[in-house]
Amino acid sequence: MTLLIRLFRVALALALVTCGPAEQDLSMRQWTEDMAFRINSEPMPPHAREKVLYKIQVRDSKTGEPVEGGEGRMFASSRDGASTWDGLVKGEELGTYYATLRYVTAGEWAVALQFRRDSTRRLQRMDWMQEVFAARGEQP
């Protein structure tokens, strides 16, 4: 085998190793009148009876600048009337807030996030449906 073919094979192998599958962005995006939200949860997807940590990144939709000094809350209700909620806590990263929810049952939950830039502004709300998986170790 010639040196050129060997070099080609080595280069191809390196390209395949370094160009592996890209990490998938599982964040959800929501918008209000003047803000853009990127919402992630850990774990994803959420499981019943586990703490689910939500990371909410808030940016001004026109300037793209992080929204600092905001306040808000996150809450959810299941079809059978169970509910969970938490106030948003400011994170270390600019424009980032955290909330922890604990879904007590598996199934579909109605989730809402209310947020305002500061106490002088009105709360803006966004809603979505969240599928919650069975608790780990249990059959669905």
Protein backbone atom coordinates (compact mmCIF):
# COMPACT_ATOMS: atom_id res chain seq x y z
CA MET A 1 0.00 0.00 0.00
CA THR A 2 1.38 3.37 -0.88
CA LEU A 3 2.11 6.08 1.63
CA LEU A 4 -0.55 8.33 0.11
CA ILE A 5 -3.32 5.76 0.67
CA ARG A 6 -2.20 5.22 4.28
CA LEU A 7 -2.25 8.96 4.96
CA PHE A 8 -5.70 9.21 3.40
CA ARG A 9 -7.01 6.43 5.66
CA VAL A 10 -5.53 8.07 8.76
CA ALA A 11 -7.05 11.43 7.80
CA LEU A 12 -10.43 9.81 7.17
CA ALA A 13 -10.35 8.02 10.54
CA LEU A 14 -9.49 11.27 12.34
CA ALA A 15 -12.29 13.10 10.53
CA LEU A 16 -14.83 10.46 11.56
CA VAL A 17 -13.71 10.57 15.20
CA THR A 18 -13.73 14.37 15.49
CA CYS A 19 -16.98 14.82 13.56
CA GLY A 20 -19.09 12.57 15.76
CA PRO A 21 -22.74 13.24 16.42
CA ALA A 22 -23.44 16.77 17.62
CA GLU A 23 -25.14 17.19 20.99
CA GLN A 24 -28.85 17.78 20.48
CA ASP A 25 -30.36 20.98 21.87
CA LEU A 26 -33.49 19.93 23.78
CA SER A 27 -34.34 23.39 25.07
CA MET A 28 -37.81 24.78 24.59
CA ARG A 29 -38.25 28.31 23.33
CA GLN A 30 -41.07 30.68 24.30
CA TRP A 31 -41.73 34.36 23.57
CA THR A 32 -43.76 37.16 25.10
CA GLU A 33 -44.35 40.69 23.80
CA ASP A 34 -40.75 41.77 24.40
CA MET A 35 -38.77 38.81 25.78
CA ALA A 36 -37.38 35.52 24.49
CA PHE A 37 -37.08 32.49 26.79
CA ARG A 38 -34.97 29.34 26.50
CA ILE A 39 -36.14 26.68 28.96
CA ASN A 40 -34.25 23.49 29.86
CA SER A 41 -35.05 20.84 32.42
CA GLU A 42 -32.87 18.35 34.22
CA PRO A 43 -33.72 15.54 33.86
CA MET A 44 -35.16 15.68 30.38
CA PRO A 45 -37.74 14.25 30.00
CA PRO A 46 -39.02 14.71 33.55
CA HIS A 47 -40.07 11.71 35.64
CA ALA A 48 -42.76 11.58 38.32
CA ARG A 49 -41.67 11.99 41.95
CA GLU A 50 -38.26 13.42 41.07
CA LYS A 51 -37.08 16.98 41.48
CA VAL A 52 -37.00 18.61 38.05
CA LEU A 53 -34.69 21.62 37.85
CA TYR A 54 -35.70 24.16 35.22
CA LYS A 55 -33.15 26.62 33.86
CA ILE A 56 -34.79 29.65 32.26
CA GLN A 57 -32.67 32.03 30.19
CA VAL A 58 -34.38 35.36 29.48
CA ARG A 59 -33.32 37.85 26.80
CA ASP A 60 -34.78 41.03 25.40
CA SER A 61 -36.27 39.98 22.06
CA LYS A 62 -35.12 43.15 20.24
CA THR A 63 -31.61 43.66 21.60
CA GLY A 64 -30.73 40.09 22.60
CA GLU A 65 -29.41 41.38 25.94
CA PRO A 66 -29.96 39.24 29.07
CA VAL A 67 -32.83 40.40 31.29
CA GLU A 68 -31.46 41.02 34.78
CA GLY A 69 -33.48 41.75 37.92
CA GLY A 70 -36.57 39.90 36.75
CA GLU A 71 -38.96 37.96 38.91
CA GLY A 72 -41.45 35.24 38.28
CA ARG A 73 -42.84 31.84 39.07
CA MET A 74 -43.47 28.49 37.45
CA PHE A 75 -46.42 26.20 38.14
CA ALA A 76 -48.11 23.09 36.74
CA SER A 77 -51.35 21.12 37.10
CA SER A 78 -52.23 17.58 36.09
CA ARG A 79 -55.56 16.39 34.67
CA ASP A 80 -56.48 14.85 38.03
CA GLY A 81 -55.91 18.09 39.98
CA ALA A 82 -52.37 17.61 41.33
CA SER A 83 -50.22 20.73 41.26
CA THR A 84 -46.66 21.92 41.82
CA TRP A 85 -45.06 25.38 41.82
CA ASP A 86 -41.90 27.33 42.61
CA GLY A 87 -40.69 30.92 42.48
CA LEU A 88 -37.84 31.75 40.13
CA VAL A 89 -34.41 32.17 41.72
CA LYS A 90 -31.72 34.29 40.07
CA GLY A 91 -28.78 32.23 38.79
CA GLU A 92 -25.12 33.19 38.54
CA GLU A 93 -25.26 33.52 34.76
CA LEU A 94 -26.62 36.77 33.34
CA GLY A 95 -30.32 36.58 32.55
CA THR A 96 -30.69 33.07 34.00
CA TYR A 97 -33.27 31.94 36.55
CA TYR A 98 -34.04 28.56 38.14
CA ALA A 99 -37.15 26.80 39.44
CA THR A 100 -37.68 23.29 40.80
CA LEU A 101 -40.91 21.37 40.25
CA ARG A 102 -41.86 17.91 41.49
CA TYR A 103 -44.52 16.15 39.43
CA VAL A 104 -46.28 13.62 41.67
CA THR A 105 -47.84 11.57 38.87
CA ALA A 106 -46.96 10.59 35.35
CA GLY A 107 -48.99 11.91 32.43
CA GLU A 108 -49.68 15.19 30.73
CA TRP A 109 -49.29 18.37 32.79
CA ALA A 110 -50.27 21.94 31.94
CA VAL A 111 -47.23 24.09 32.77
CA ALA A 112 -47.05 27.88 32.96
CA LEU A 113 -44.29 30.42 33.48
CA GLN A 114 -45.01 33.98 34.61
CA PHE A 115 -42.22 36.55 34.41
CA ARG A 116 -41.70 40.30 34.57
CA ARG A 117 -38.59 42.41 34.08
CA ASP A 118 -39.03 44.15 37.45
CA SER A 119 -41.70 44.88 40.05
CA THR A 120 -43.00 47.90 38.09
CA ARG A 121 -43.96 45.78 35.06
CA ARG A 122 -46.89 43.42 34.60
CA LEU A 123 -46.42 39.65 34.63
CA GLN A 124 -46.28 38.05 31.20
CA ARG A 125 -47.34 34.42 30.89
CA MET A 126 -46.55 31.51 28.64
CA ASP A 127 -48.20 28.05 28.79
CA TRP A 128 -47.32 24.63 27.40
CA MET A 129 -48.12 20.96 27.90
CA GLN A 130 -45.45 18.73 29.45
CA GLU A 131 -45.40 14.94 29.26
CA VAL A 132 -44.11 13.48 32.53
CA PHE A 133 -42.78 9.92 32.43
CA ALA A 134 -43.47 7.28 35.09
CA ALA A 135 -41.24 7.27 38.14
CA ARG A 136 -38.05 5.35 37.50
CA GLY A 137 -38.46 1.70 38.31
CA GLU A 138 -42.23 1.73 37.81
CA GLN A 139 -44.20 0.49 34.83
CA PRO A 140 -46.21 3.15 32.97
